[in-house]
Amino acid sequence: MAQTMDTATTYQRGYELRCEGRYEEAKTEFRKVLAAEPSHADSTWQMGLIQGFEGDFDGSLTTLRELVKAYPDHLKARYDLAMTAMMLGESDEACGHFRFILSVDPDHEEARRQIEYCP
């Protein structure tokens, strides 16, 4: 589904708020996008990141897992899922995601650095 200009603008505003650490305001913007477009993967991804930034690591892991299950080729979300899993001691899961990313994008710089920590 194509993004409307309003949805794109709202997403961008949410993204900027998230980058500024204004999480509650950012979540409000992402919820608006998701209300208009429930399958807006990037808004779900941002919500998952915010969960982690706010300390809800299990919630973040769940949100990112569900997103990657629905959108396997969303490499940004998959990378953040891998990093969250690694941080929580789920190294097997993390390494599997890094390997998947590199199978799709062998030049993915961040995944190439992280795969060094995998057996």
PDB file of N, CA and C in Angstrom:
ATOM      1  N   MET A   1       0.847  -1.174   0.000  1.00  0.00           N
ATOM      2  CA  MET A   1       0.000   0.000   0.000  1.00  0.00           C
ATOM      3  C   MET A   1       0.895   1.240   0.000  1.00  0.00           C
ATOM      4  N   ALA A   2       0.610   2.171  -0.866  1.00  0.00           N
ATOM      5  CA  ALA A   2       1.418   3.388  -0.961  1.00  0.00           C
ATOM      6  C   ALA A   2       1.129   4.310   0.221  1.00  0.00           C
ATOM      7  N   GLN A   3       2.199   4.942   0.667  1.00  0.00           N
ATOM      8  CA  GLN A   3       2.046   5.894   1.767  1.00  0.00           C
ATOM      9  C   GLN A   3       1.434   7.178   1.245  1.00  0.00           C
ATOM     10  N   THR A   4       0.531   7.735   2.021  1.00  0.00           N
ATOM     11  CA  THR A   4       0.019   9.047   1.673  1.00  0.00           C
ATOM     12  C   THR A   4       0.999  10.081   2.196  1.00  0.00           C
ATOM     13  N   MET A   5       0.900  11.303   1.677  1.00  0.00           N
ATOM     14  CA  MET A   5       1.792  12.366   2.130  1.00  0.00           C
ATOM     15  C   MET A   5       1.620  12.591   3.624  1.00  0.00           C
ATOM     16  N   ASP A   6       0.376  12.570   4.123  1.00  0.00           N
ATOM     17  CA  ASP A   6       0.146  12.778   5.550  1.00  0.00           C
ATOM     18  C   ASP A   6       0.789  11.665   6.377  1.00  0.00           C
ATOM     19  N   THR A   7       0.681  10.437   5.915  1.00  0.00           N
ATOM     20  CA  THR A   7       1.280   9.316   6.633  1.00  0.00           C
ATOM     21  C   THR A   7       2.797   9.455   6.638  1.00  0.00           C
ATOM     22  N   ALA A   8       3.373   9.791   5.500  1.00  0.00           N
ATOM     23  CA  ALA A   8       4.823   9.959   5.411  1.00  0.00           C
ATOM     24  C   ALA A   8       5.295  11.088   6.320  1.00  0.00           C
ATOM     25  N   THR A   9       4.550  12.173   6.349  1.00  0.00           N
ATOM     26  CA  THR A   9       4.909  13.316   7.196  1.00  0.00           C
ATOM     27  C   THR A   9       4.788  12.954   8.669  1.00  0.00           C
ATOM     28  N   THR A  10       3.735  12.250   9.025  1.00  0.00           N
ATOM     29  CA  THR A  10       3.530  11.839  10.409  1.00  0.00           C
ATOM     30  C   THR A  10       4.620  10.873  10.837  1.00  0.00           C
ATOM     31  N   TYR A  11       4.959   9.921   9.966  1.00  0.00           N
ATOM     32  CA  TYR A  11       6.044   8.991  10.280  1.00  0.00           C
ATOM     33  C   TYR A  11       7.344   9.753  10.495  1.00  0.00           C
ATOM     34  N   GLN A  12       7.661  10.677   9.608  1.00  0.00           N
ATOM     35  CA  GLN A  12       8.907  11.433   9.719  1.00  0.00           C
ATOM     36  C   GLN A  12       8.947  12.226  11.014  1.00  0.00           C
ATOM     37  N   ARG A  13       7.817  12.813  11.386  1.00  0.00           N
ATOM     38  CA  ARG A  13       7.740  13.576  12.641  1.00  0.00           C
ATOM     39  C   ARG A  13       7.998  12.636  13.826  1.00  0.00           C
ATOM     40  N   GLY A  14       7.392  11.449  13.789  1.00  0.00           N
ATOM     41  CA  GLY A  14       7.619  10.461  14.843  1.00  0.00           C
ATOM     42  C   GLY A  14       9.070  10.033  14.909  1.00  0.00           C
ATOM     43  N   TYR A  15       9.669   9.832  13.750  1.00  0.00           N
ATOM     44  CA  TYR A  15      11.073   9.429  13.693  1.00  0.00           C
ATOM     45  C   TYR A  15      11.971  10.505  14.306  1.00  0.00           C
ATOM     46  N   GLU A  16      11.722  11.741  13.947  1.00  0.00           N
ATOM     47  CA  GLU A  16      12.527  12.839  14.493  1.00  0.00           C
ATOM     48  C   GLU A  16      12.355  12.948  16.003  1.00  0.00           C
ATOM     49  N   LEU A  17      11.137  12.794  16.487  1.00  0.00           N
ATOM     50  CA  LEU A  17      10.881  12.826  17.932  1.00  0.00           C
ATOM     51  C   LEU A  17      11.599  11.674  18.623  1.00  0.00           C
ATOM     52  N   ARG A  18      11.565  10.496  18.011  1.00  0.00           N
ATOM     53  CA  ARG A  18      12.264   9.342  18.580  1.00  0.00           C
ATOM     54  C   ARG A  18      13.755   9.619  18.678  1.00  0.00           C
ATOM     55  N   CYS A  19      14.323  10.192  17.631  1.00  0.00           N
ATOM     56  CA  CYS A  19      15.754  10.515  17.621  1.00  0.00           C
ATOM     57  C   CYS A  19      16.113  11.550  18.679  1.00  0.00           C
ATOM     58  N   GLU A  20      15.164  12.403  19.019  1.00  0.00           N
ATOM     59  CA  GLU A  20      15.375  13.416  20.058  1.00  0.00           C
ATOM     60  C   GLU A  20      15.134  12.864  21.460  1.00  0.00           C
ATOM     61  N   GLY A  21      14.727  11.603  21.555  1.00  0.00           N
ATOM     62  CA  GLY A  21      14.446  11.000  22.853  1.00  0.00           C
ATOM     63  C   GLY A  21      13.087  11.375  23.417  1.00  0.00           C
ATOM     64  N   ARG A  22      12.221  11.911  22.597  1.00  0.00           N
ATOM     65  CA  ARG A  22      10.875  12.314  23.024  1.00  0.00           C
ATOM     66  C   ARG A  22       9.921  11.163  22.687  1.00  0.00           C
ATOM     67  N   TYR A  23      10.070  10.093  23.461  1.00  0.00           N
ATOM     68  CA  TYR A  23       9.436   8.826  23.126  1.00  0.00           C
ATOM     69  C   TYR A  23       7.915   8.854  23.177  1.00  0.00           C
ATOM     70  N   GLU A  24       7.345   9.469  24.184  1.00  0.00           N
ATOM     71  CA  GLU A  24       5.879   9.496  24.269  1.00  0.00           C
ATOM     72  C   GLU A  24       5.279  10.206  23.060  1.00  0.00           C
ATOM     73  N   GLU A  25       5.869  11.323  22.683  1.00  0.00           N
ATOM     74  CA  GLU A  25       5.371  12.055  21.517  1.00  0.00           C
ATOM     75  C   GLU A  25       5.581  11.237  20.242  1.00  0.00           C
ATOM     76  N   ALA A  26       6.726  10.580  20.155  1.00  0.00           N
ATOM     77  CA  ALA A  26       7.005   9.752  18.978  1.00  0.00           C
ATOM     78  C   ALA A  26       5.981   8.625  18.866  1.00  0.00           C
ATOM     79  N   LYS A  27       5.705   7.952  19.986  1.00  0.00           N
ATOM     80  CA  LYS A  27       4.734   6.853  19.953  1.00  0.00           C
ATOM     81  C   LYS A  27       3.367   7.349  19.489  1.00  0.00           C
ATOM     82  N   THR A  28       3.000   8.546  19.901  1.00  0.00           N
ATOM     83  CA  THR A  28       1.720   9.109  19.461  1.00  0.00           C
ATOM     84  C   THR A  28       1.684   9.223  17.939  1.00  0.00           C
ATOM     85  N   GLU A  29       2.777   9.693  17.352  1.00  0.00           N
ATOM     86  CA  GLU A  29       2.834   9.835  15.889  1.00  0.00           C
ATOM     87  C   GLU A  29       2.803   8.475  15.201  1.00  0.00           C
ATOM     88  N   PHE A  30       3.568   7.522  15.720  1.00  0.00           N
ATOM     89  CA  PHE A  30       3.585   6.197  15.099  1.00  0.00           C
ATOM     90  C   PHE A  30       2.224   5.508  15.231  1.00  0.00           C
ATOM     91  N   ARG A  31       1.546   5.732  16.346  1.00  0.00           N
ATOM     92  CA  ARG A  31       0.191   5.164  16.498  1.00  0.00           C
ATOM     93  C   ARG A  31      -0.766   5.750  15.462  1.00  0.00           C
ATOM     94  N   LYS A  32      -0.614   7.029  15.156  1.00  0.00           N
ATOM     95  CA  LYS A  32      -1.449   7.647  14.117  1.00  0.00           C
ATOM     96  C   LYS A  32      -1.208   6.966  12.775  1.00  0.00           C
ATOM     97  N   VAL A  33       0.053   6.726  12.463  1.00  0.00           N
ATOM     98  CA  VAL A  33       0.380   6.066  11.201  1.00  0.00           C
ATOM     99  C   VAL A  33      -0.224   4.669  11.184  1.00  0.00           C
ATOM    100  N   LEU A  34      -0.045   3.927  12.279  1.00  0.00           N
ATOM    101  CA  LEU A  34      -0.554   2.556  12.334  1.00  0.00           C
ATOM    102  C   LEU A  34      -2.073   2.500  12.317  1.00  0.00           C
ATOM    103  N   ALA A  35      -2.728   3.525  12.830  1.00  0.00           N
ATOM    104  CA  ALA A  35      -4.195   3.574  12.757  1.00  0.00           C
ATOM    105  C   ALA A  35      -4.643   3.727  11.299  1.00  0.00           C
ATOM    106  N   ALA A  36      -3.892   4.497  10.538  1.00  0.00           N
ATOM    107  CA  ALA A  36      -4.223   4.707   9.132  1.00  0.00           C
ATOM    108  C   ALA A  36      -3.745   3.550   8.261  1.00  0.00           C
ATOM    109  N   GLU A  37      -2.589   2.986   8.605  1.00  0.00           N
ATOM    110  CA  GLU A  37      -1.984   1.899   7.833  1.00  0.00           C
ATOM    111  C   GLU A  37      -1.452   0.841   8.797  1.00  0.00           C
ATOM    112  N   PRO A  38      -2.289  -0.090   9.225  1.00  0.00           N
ATOM    113  CA  PRO A  38      -1.866  -1.092  10.216  1.00  0.00           C
ATOM    114  C   PRO A  38      -0.647  -1.911   9.808  1.00  0.00           C
ATOM    115  N   SER A  39      -0.389  -2.014   8.518  1.00  0.00           N
ATOM    116  CA  SER A  39       0.758  -2.807   8.055  1.00  0.00           C
ATOM    117  C   SER A  39       2.004  -1.948   7.815  1.00  0.00           C
ATOM    118  N   HIS A  40       2.038  -0.747   8.356  1.00  0.00           N
ATOM    119  CA  HIS A  40       3.195   0.144   8.175  1.00  0.00           C
ATOM    120  C   HIS A  40       4.365  -0.406   8.994  1.00  0.00           C
ATOM    121  N   ALA A  41       5.211  -1.179   8.332  1.00  0.00           N
ATOM    122  CA  ALA A  41       6.297  -1.895   9.012  1.00  0.00           C
ATOM    123  C   ALA A  41       7.266  -0.963   9.723  1.00  0.00           C
ATOM    124  N   ASP A  42       7.604   0.157   9.104  1.00  0.00           N
ATOM    125  CA  ASP A  42       8.582   1.047   9.731  1.00  0.00           C
ATOM    126  C   ASP A  42       8.066   1.648  11.035  1.00  0.00           C
ATOM    127  N   SER A  43       6.787   1.928  11.115  1.00  0.00           N
ATOM    128  CA  SER A  43       6.239   2.453  12.371  1.00  0.00           C
ATOM    129  C   SER A  43       6.279   1.391  13.461  1.00  0.00           C
ATOM    130  N   THR A  44       5.965   0.154  13.106  1.00  0.00           N
ATOM    131  CA  THR A  44       6.059  -0.938  14.073  1.00  0.00           C
ATOM    132  C   THR A  44       7.503  -1.110  14.528  1.00  0.00           C
ATOM    133  N   TRP A  45       8.433  -1.028  13.594  1.00  0.00           N
ATOM    134  CA  TRP A  45       9.864  -1.120  13.907  1.00  0.00           C
ATOM    135  C   TRP A  45      10.260  -0.035  14.901  1.00  0.00           C
ATOM    136  N   GLN A  46       9.840   1.185  14.647  1.00  0.00           N
ATOM    137  CA  GLN A  46      10.174   2.289  15.546  1.00  0.00           C
ATOM    138  C   GLN A  46       9.566   2.084  16.928  1.00  0.00           C
ATOM    139  N   MET A  47       8.350   1.567  16.972  1.00  0.00           N
ATOM    140  CA  MET A  47       7.715   1.293  18.269  1.00  0.00           C
ATOM    141  C   MET A  47       8.515   0.238  19.034  1.00  0.00           C
ATOM    142  N   GLY A  48       9.003  -0.773  18.324  1.00  0.00           N
ATOM    143  CA  GLY A  48       9.827  -1.798  18.963  1.00  0.00           C
ATOM    144  C   GLY A  48      11.126  -1.225  19.504  1.00  0.00           C
ATOM    145  N   LEU A  49      11.728  -0.322  18.752  1.00  0.00           N
ATOM    146  CA  LEU A  49      12.950   0.326  19.232  1.00  0.00           C
ATOM    147  C   LEU A  49      12.682   1.134  20.492  1.00  0.00           C
ATOM    148  N   ILE A  50      11.606   1.889  20.482  1.00  0.00           N
ATOM    149  CA  ILE A  50      11.267   2.712  21.646  1.00  0.00           C
ATOM    150  C   ILE A  50      11.057   1.834  22.873  1.00  0.00           C
ATOM    151  N   GLN A  51      10.404   0.685  22.694  1.00  0.00           N
ATOM    152  CA  GLN A  51      10.227  -0.223  23.836  1.00  0.00           C
ATOM    153  C   GLN A  51      11.578  -0.538  24.463  1.00  0.00           C
ATOM    154  N   GLY A  52      12.553  -0.843  23.649  1.00  0.00           N
ATOM    155  CA  GLY A  52      13.881  -1.141  24.158  1.00  0.00           C
ATOM    156  C   GLY A  52      14.528   0.069  24.817  1.00  0.00           C
ATOM    157  N   PHE A  53      14.395   1.224  24.197  1.00  0.00           N
ATOM    158  CA  PHE A  53      14.986   2.437  24.759  1.00  0.00           C
ATOM    159  C   PHE A  53      14.379   2.770  26.118  1.00  0.00           C
ATOM    160  N   GLU A  54      13.116   2.385  26.294  1.00  0.00           N
ATOM    161  CA  GLU A  54      12.435   2.649  27.567  1.00  0.00           C
ATOM    162  C   GLU A  54      12.657   1.525  28.584  1.00  0.00           C
ATOM    163  N   GLY A  55      13.426   0.515  28.202  1.00  0.00           N
ATOM    164  CA  GLY A  55      13.749  -0.547  29.147  1.00  0.00           C
ATOM    165  C   GLY A  55      12.873  -1.777  29.074  1.00  0.00           C
ATOM    166  N   ASP A  56      11.897  -1.795  28.161  1.00  0.00           N
ATOM    167  CA  ASP A  56      11.031  -2.965  27.996  1.00  0.00           C
ATOM    168  C   ASP A  56      11.665  -3.882  26.944  1.00  0.00           C
ATOM    169  N   PHE A  57      12.750  -4.557  27.347  1.00  0.00           N
ATOM    170  CA  PHE A  57      13.507  -5.361  26.398  1.00  0.00           C
ATOM    171  C   PHE A  57      12.723  -6.564  25.900  1.00  0.00           C
ATOM    172  N   ASP A  58      11.954  -7.202  26.784  1.00  0.00           N
ATOM    173  CA  ASP A  58      11.138  -8.340  26.356  1.00  0.00           C
ATOM    174  C   ASP A  58      10.078  -7.880  25.354  1.00  0.00           C
ATOM    175  N   GLY A  59       9.454  -6.744  25.631  1.00  0.00           N
ATOM    176  CA  GLY A  59       8.455  -6.206  24.708  1.00  0.00           C
ATOM    177  C   GLY A  59       9.078  -5.844  23.372  1.00  0.00           C
ATOM    178  N   SER A  60      10.254  -5.260  23.426  1.00  0.00           N
ATOM    179  CA  SER A  60      10.968  -4.903  22.205  1.00  0.00           C
ATOM    180  C   SER A  60      11.278  -6.150  21.394  1.00  0.00           C
ATOM    181  N   LEU A  61      11.774  -7.172  22.053  1.00  0.00           N
ATOM    182  CA  LEU A  61      12.099  -8.427  21.389  1.00  0.00           C
ATOM    183  C   LEU A  61      10.860  -9.026  20.731  1.00  0.00           C
ATOM    184  N   THR A  62       9.752  -9.028  21.453  1.00  0.00           N
ATOM    185  CA  THR A  62       8.503  -9.572  20.913  1.00  0.00           C
ATOM    186  C   THR A  62       8.040  -8.786  19.692  1.00  0.00           C
ATOM    187  N   THR A  63       8.032  -7.460  19.803  1.00  0.00           N
ATOM    188  CA  THR A  63       7.587  -6.618  18.683  1.00  0.00           C
ATOM    189  C   THR A  63       8.470  -6.829  17.465  1.00  0.00           C
ATOM    190  N   LEU A  64       9.785  -6.825  17.669  1.00  0.00           N
ATOM    191  CA  LEU A  64      10.703  -6.987  16.540  1.00  0.00           C
ATOM    192  C   LEU A  64      10.609  -8.389  15.942  1.00  0.00           C
ATOM    193  N   ARG A  65      10.428  -9.410  16.778  1.00  0.00           N
ATOM    194  CA  ARG A  65      10.259 -10.779  16.255  1.00  0.00           C
ATOM    195  C   ARG A  65       9.018 -10.876  15.380  1.00  0.00           C
ATOM    196  N   GLU A  66       7.909 -10.317  15.859  1.00  0.00           N
ATOM    197  CA  GLU A  66       6.663 -10.363  15.089  1.00  0.00           C
ATOM    198  C   GLU A  66       6.810  -9.616  13.764  1.00  0.00           C
ATOM    199  N   LEU A  67       7.493  -8.489  13.810  1.00  0.00           N
ATOM    200  CA  LEU A  67       7.695  -7.707  12.594  1.00  0.00           C
ATOM    201  C   LEU A  67       8.545  -8.475  11.581  1.00  0.00           C
ATOM    202  N   VAL A  68       9.647  -9.059  12.048  1.00  0.00           N
ATOM    203  CA  VAL A  68      10.531  -9.804  11.151  1.00  0.00           C
ATOM    204  C   VAL A  68       9.836 -11.052  10.620  1.00  0.00           C
ATOM    205  N   LYS A  69       8.973 -11.650  11.430  1.00  0.00           N
ATOM    206  CA  LYS A  69       8.206 -12.803  10.939  1.00  0.00           C
ATOM    207  C   LYS A  69       7.289 -12.376   9.786  1.00  0.00           C
ATOM    208  N   ALA A  70       6.655 -11.216   9.933  1.00  0.00           N
ATOM    209  CA  ALA A  70       5.749 -10.714   8.900  1.00  0.00           C
ATOM    210  C   ALA A  70       6.495 -10.147   7.694  1.00  0.00           C
ATOM    211  N   TYR A  71       7.665  -9.558   7.954  1.00  0.00           N
ATOM    212  CA  TYR A  71       8.450  -8.912   6.898  1.00  0.00           C
ATOM    213  C   TYR A  71       9.899  -9.398   6.984  1.00  0.00           C
ATOM    214  N   PRO A  72      10.168 -10.611   6.529  1.00  0.00           N
ATOM    215  CA  PRO A  72      11.502 -11.201   6.698  1.00  0.00           C
ATOM    216  C   PRO A  72      12.630 -10.381   6.077  1.00  0.00           C
ATOM    217  N   ASP A  73      12.338  -9.636   5.051  1.00  0.00           N
ATOM    218  CA  ASP A  73      13.381  -8.871   4.368  1.00  0.00           C
ATOM    219  C   ASP A  73      13.537  -7.440   4.894  1.00  0.00           C
ATOM    220  N   HIS A  74      12.893  -7.122   5.994  1.00  0.00           N
ATOM    221  CA  HIS A  74      13.081  -5.802   6.620  1.00  0.00           C
ATOM    222  C   HIS A  74      14.402  -5.883   7.392  1.00  0.00           C
ATOM    223  N   LEU A  75      15.497  -5.617   6.687  1.00  0.00           N
ATOM    224  CA  LEU A  75      16.822  -5.852   7.254  1.00  0.00           C
ATOM    225  C   LEU A  75      17.154  -4.927   8.417  1.00  0.00           C
ATOM    226  N   LYS A  76      16.620  -3.723   8.408  1.00  0.00           N
ATOM    227  CA  LYS A  76      16.882  -2.807   9.529  1.00  0.00           C
ATOM    228  C   LYS A  76      16.258  -3.353  10.805  1.00  0.00           C
ATOM    229  N   ALA A  77      15.023  -3.799  10.699  1.00  0.00           N
ATOM    230  CA  ALA A  77      14.355  -4.374  11.872  1.00  0.00           C
ATOM    231  C   ALA A  77      15.044  -5.674  12.288  1.00  0.00           C
ATOM    232  N   ARG A  78      15.440  -6.478  11.316  1.00  0.00           N
ATOM    233  CA  ARG A  78      16.111  -7.745  11.626  1.00  0.00           C
ATOM    234  C   ARG A  78      17.441  -7.482  12.326  1.00  0.00           C
ATOM    235  N   TYR A  79      18.170  -6.466  11.879  1.00  0.00           N
ATOM    236  CA  TYR A  79      19.438  -6.125  12.534  1.00  0.00           C
ATOM    237  C   TYR A  79      19.192  -5.683  13.976  1.00  0.00           C
ATOM    238  N   ASP A  80      18.193  -4.835  14.188  1.00  0.00           N
ATOM    239  CA  ASP A  80      17.895  -4.382  15.553  1.00  0.00           C
ATOM    240  C   ASP A  80      17.408  -5.533  16.419  1.00  0.00           C
ATOM    241  N   LEU A  81      16.667  -6.469  15.826  1.00  0.00           N
ATOM    242  CA  LEU A  81      16.261  -7.669  16.556  1.00  0.00           C
ATOM    243  C   LEU A  81      17.498  -8.466  16.953  1.00  0.00           C
ATOM    244  N   ALA A  82      18.427  -8.632  16.030  1.00  0.00           N
ATOM    245  CA  ALA A  82      19.651  -9.382  16.323  1.00  0.00           C
ATOM    246  C   ALA A  82      20.437  -8.708  17.438  1.00  0.00           C
ATOM    247  N   MET A  83      20.560  -7.405  17.396  1.00  0.00           N
ATOM    248  CA  MET A  83      21.309  -6.686  18.426  1.00  0.00           C
ATOM    249  C   MET A  83      20.617  -6.804  19.786  1.00  0.00           C
ATOM    250  N   THR A  84      19.297  -6.731  19.799  1.00  0.00           N
ATOM    251  CA  THR A  84      18.550  -6.872  21.052  1.00  0.00           C
ATOM    252  C   THR A  84      18.713  -8.286  21.595  1.00  0.00           C
ATOM    253  N   ALA A  85      18.592  -9.271  20.714  1.00  0.00           N
ATOM    254  CA  ALA A  85      18.760 -10.667  21.135  1.00  0.00           C
ATOM    255  C   ALA A  85      20.168 -10.889  21.694  1.00  0.00           C
ATOM    256  N   MET A  86      21.165 -10.346  21.033  1.00  0.00           N
ATOM    257  CA  MET A  86      22.546 -10.504  21.495  1.00  0.00           C
ATOM    258  C   MET A  86      22.708  -9.875  22.880  1.00  0.00           C
ATOM    259  N   MET A  87      22.154  -8.696  23.054  1.00  0.00           N
ATOM    260  CA  MET A  87      22.249  -7.994  24.332  1.00  0.00           C
ATOM    261  C   MET A  87      21.599  -8.809  25.452  1.00  0.00           C
ATOM    262  N   LEU A  88      20.551  -9.547  25.121  1.00  0.00           N
ATOM    263  CA  LEU A  88      19.826 -10.331  26.117  1.00  0.00           C
ATOM    264  C   LEU A  88      20.357 -11.762  26.244  1.00  0.00           C
ATOM    265  N   GLY A  89      21.490 -12.028  25.615  1.00  0.00           N
ATOM    266  CA  GLY A  89      22.111 -13.333  25.749  1.00  0.00           C
ATOM    267  C   GLY A  89      21.574 -14.399  24.805  1.00  0.00           C
ATOM    268  N   GLU A  90      20.759 -14.000  23.854  1.00  0.00           N
ATOM    269  CA  GLU A  90      20.199 -14.939  22.868  1.00  0.00           C
ATOM    270  C   GLU A  90      21.115 -14.973  21.640  1.00  0.00           C
ATOM    271  N   SER A  91      22.360 -15.394  21.849  1.00  0.00           N
ATOM    272  CA  SER A  91      23.359 -15.285  20.779  1.00  0.00           C
ATOM    273  C   SER A  91      23.056 -16.181  19.582  1.00  0.00           C
ATOM    274  N   ASP A  92      22.489 -17.355  19.802  1.00  0.00           N
ATOM    275  CA  ASP A  92      22.165 -18.223  18.667  1.00  0.00           C
ATOM    276  C   ASP A  92      21.160 -17.542  17.744  1.00  0.00           C
ATOM    277  N   GLU A  93      20.123 -16.965  18.351  1.00  0.00           N
ATOM    278  CA  GLU A  93      19.123 -16.253  17.548  1.00  0.00           C
ATOM    279  C   GLU A  93      19.774 -15.078  16.831  1.00  0.00           C
ATOM    280  N   ALA A  94      20.558 -14.306  17.572  1.00  0.00           N
ATOM    281  CA  ALA A  94      21.205 -13.128  16.990  1.00  0.00           C
ATOM    282  C   ALA A  94      22.076 -13.514  15.802  1.00  0.00           C
ATOM    283  N   CYS A  95      22.888 -14.532  15.976  1.00  0.00           N
ATOM    284  CA  CYS A  95      23.794 -14.957  14.908  1.00  0.00           C
ATOM    285  C   CYS A  95      23.027 -15.435  13.679  1.00  0.00           C
ATOM    286  N   GLY A  96      21.900 -16.099  13.909  1.00  0.00           N
ATOM    287  CA  GLY A  96      21.057 -16.513  12.786  1.00  0.00           C
ATOM    288  C   GLY A  96      20.557 -15.313  11.994  1.00  0.00           C
ATOM    289  N   HIS A  97      20.186 -14.248  12.695  1.00  0.00           N
ATOM    290  CA  HIS A  97      19.727 -13.039  12.002  1.00  0.00           C
ATOM    291  C   HIS A  97      20.871 -12.365  11.260  1.00  0.00           C
ATOM    292  N   PHE A  98      22.047 -12.301  11.886  1.00  0.00           N
ATOM    293  CA  PHE A  98      23.200 -11.707  11.188  1.00  0.00           C
ATOM    294  C   PHE A  98      23.518 -12.494   9.922  1.00  0.00           C
ATOM    295  N   ARG A  99      23.455 -13.809  10.006  1.00  0.00           N
ATOM    296  CA  ARG A  99      23.730 -14.646   8.831  1.00  0.00           C
ATOM    297  C   ARG A  99      22.695 -14.402   7.731  1.00  0.00           C
ATOM    298  N   PHE A 100      21.428 -14.297   8.138  1.00  0.00           N
ATOM    299  CA  PHE A 100      20.381 -14.025   7.149  1.00  0.00           C
ATOM    300  C   PHE A 100      20.641 -12.686   6.467  1.00  0.00           C
ATOM    301  N   ILE A 101      20.928 -11.672   7.258  1.00  0.00           N
ATOM    302  CA  ILE A 101      21.186 -10.337   6.696  1.00  0.00           C
ATOM    303  C   ILE A 101      22.314 -10.412   5.680  1.00  0.00           C
ATOM    304  N   LEU A 102      23.394 -11.085   6.043  1.00  0.00           N
ATOM    305  CA  LEU A 102      24.545 -11.175   5.142  1.00  0.00           C
ATOM    306  C   LEU A 102      24.261 -12.018   3.902  1.00  0.00           C
ATOM    307  N   SER A 103      23.308 -12.951   4.011  1.00  0.00           N
ATOM    308  CA  SER A 103      22.939 -13.736   2.827  1.00  0.00           C
ATOM    309  C   SER A 103      22.177 -12.871   1.822  1.00  0.00           C
ATOM    310  N   VAL A 104      21.468 -11.875   2.328  1.00  0.00           N
ATOM    311  CA  VAL A 104      20.711 -10.960   1.467  1.00  0.00           C
ATOM    312  C   VAL A 104      21.585  -9.793   1.025  1.00  0.00           C
ATOM    313  N   ASP A 105      22.389  -9.287   1.952  1.00  0.00           N
ATOM    314  CA  ASP A 105      23.235  -8.121   1.696  1.00  0.00           C
ATOM    315  C   ASP A 105      24.634  -8.381   2.241  1.00  0.00           C
ATOM    316  N   PRO A 106      25.491  -9.016   1.442  1.00  0.00           N
ATOM    317  CA  PRO A 106      26.833  -9.361   1.919  1.00  0.00           C
ATOM    318  C   PRO A 106      27.678  -8.150   2.334  1.00  0.00           C
ATOM    319  N   ASP A 107      27.286  -6.980   1.907  1.00  0.00           N
ATOM    320  CA  ASP A 107      28.033  -5.763   2.237  1.00  0.00           C
ATOM    321  C   ASP A 107      27.465  -5.022   3.440  1.00  0.00           C
ATOM    322  N   HIS A 108      26.520  -5.623   4.159  1.00  0.00           N
ATOM    323  CA  HIS A 108      25.915  -4.973   5.327  1.00  0.00           C
ATOM    324  C   HIS A 108      27.000  -4.809   6.393  1.00  0.00           C
ATOM    325  N   GLU A 109      27.521  -3.593   6.496  1.00  0.00           N
ATOM    326  CA  GLU A 109      28.683  -3.310   7.336  1.00  0.00           C
ATOM    327  C   GLU A 109      28.482  -3.686   8.801  1.00  0.00           C
ATOM    328  N   GLU A 110      27.350  -3.305   9.378  1.00  0.00           N
ATOM    329  CA  GLU A 110      27.107  -3.580  10.794  1.00  0.00           C
ATOM    330  C   GLU A 110      27.019  -5.079  11.070  1.00  0.00           C
ATOM    331  N   ALA A 111      26.302  -5.794  10.214  1.00  0.00           N
ATOM    332  CA  ALA A 111      26.178  -7.247  10.403  1.00  0.00           C
ATOM    333  C   ALA A 111      27.533  -7.927  10.219  1.00  0.00           C
ATOM    334  N   ARG A 112      28.336  -7.427   9.301  1.00  0.00           N
ATOM    335  CA  ARG A 112      29.676  -7.997   9.111  1.00  0.00           C
ATOM    336  C   ARG A 112      30.521  -7.826  10.367  1.00  0.00           C
ATOM    337  N   ARG A 113      30.395  -6.683  11.028  1.00  0.00           N
ATOM    338  CA  ARG A 113      31.141  -6.482  12.274  1.00  0.00           C
ATOM    339  C   ARG A 113      30.638  -7.405  13.374  1.00  0.00           C
ATOM    340  N   GLN A 114      29.332  -7.566  13.484  1.00  0.00           N
ATOM    341  CA  GLN A 114      28.749  -8.355  14.564  1.00  0.00           C
ATOM    342  C   GLN A 114      28.946  -9.866  14.381  1.00  0.00           C
ATOM    343  N   ILE A 115      28.993 -10.320  13.143  1.00  0.00           N
ATOM    344  CA  ILE A 115      29.125 -11.767  12.900  1.00  0.00           C
ATOM    345  C   ILE A 115      30.448 -12.290  13.452  1.00  0.00           C
ATOM    346  N   GLU A 116      31.386 -11.406  13.664  1.00  0.00           N
ATOM    347  CA  GLU A 116      32.676 -11.801  14.249  1.00  0.00           C
ATOM    348  C   GLU A 116      32.502 -12.400  15.647  1.00  0.00           C
ATOM    349  N   TYR A 117      31.422 -12.062  16.333  1.00  0.00           N
ATOM    350  CA  TYR A 117      31.159 -12.566  17.678  1.00  0.00           C
ATOM    351  C   TYR A 117      30.405 -13.886  17.673  1.00  0.00           C
ATOM    352  N   CYS A 118      30.098 -14.385  16.478  1.00  0.00           N
ATOM    353  CA  CYS A 118      29.323 -15.620  16.351  1.00  0.00           C
ATOM    354  C   CYS A 118      30.246 -16.804  16.118  1.00  0.00           C
ATOM    355  N   PRO A 119      29.854 -17.965  16.667  1.00  0.00           N
ATOM    356  CA  PRO A 119      30.666 -19.179  16.451  1.00  0.00           C
ATOM    357  C   PRO A 119      30.561 -19.670  15.018  1.00  0.00           C
TER     358      PRO A 119
END
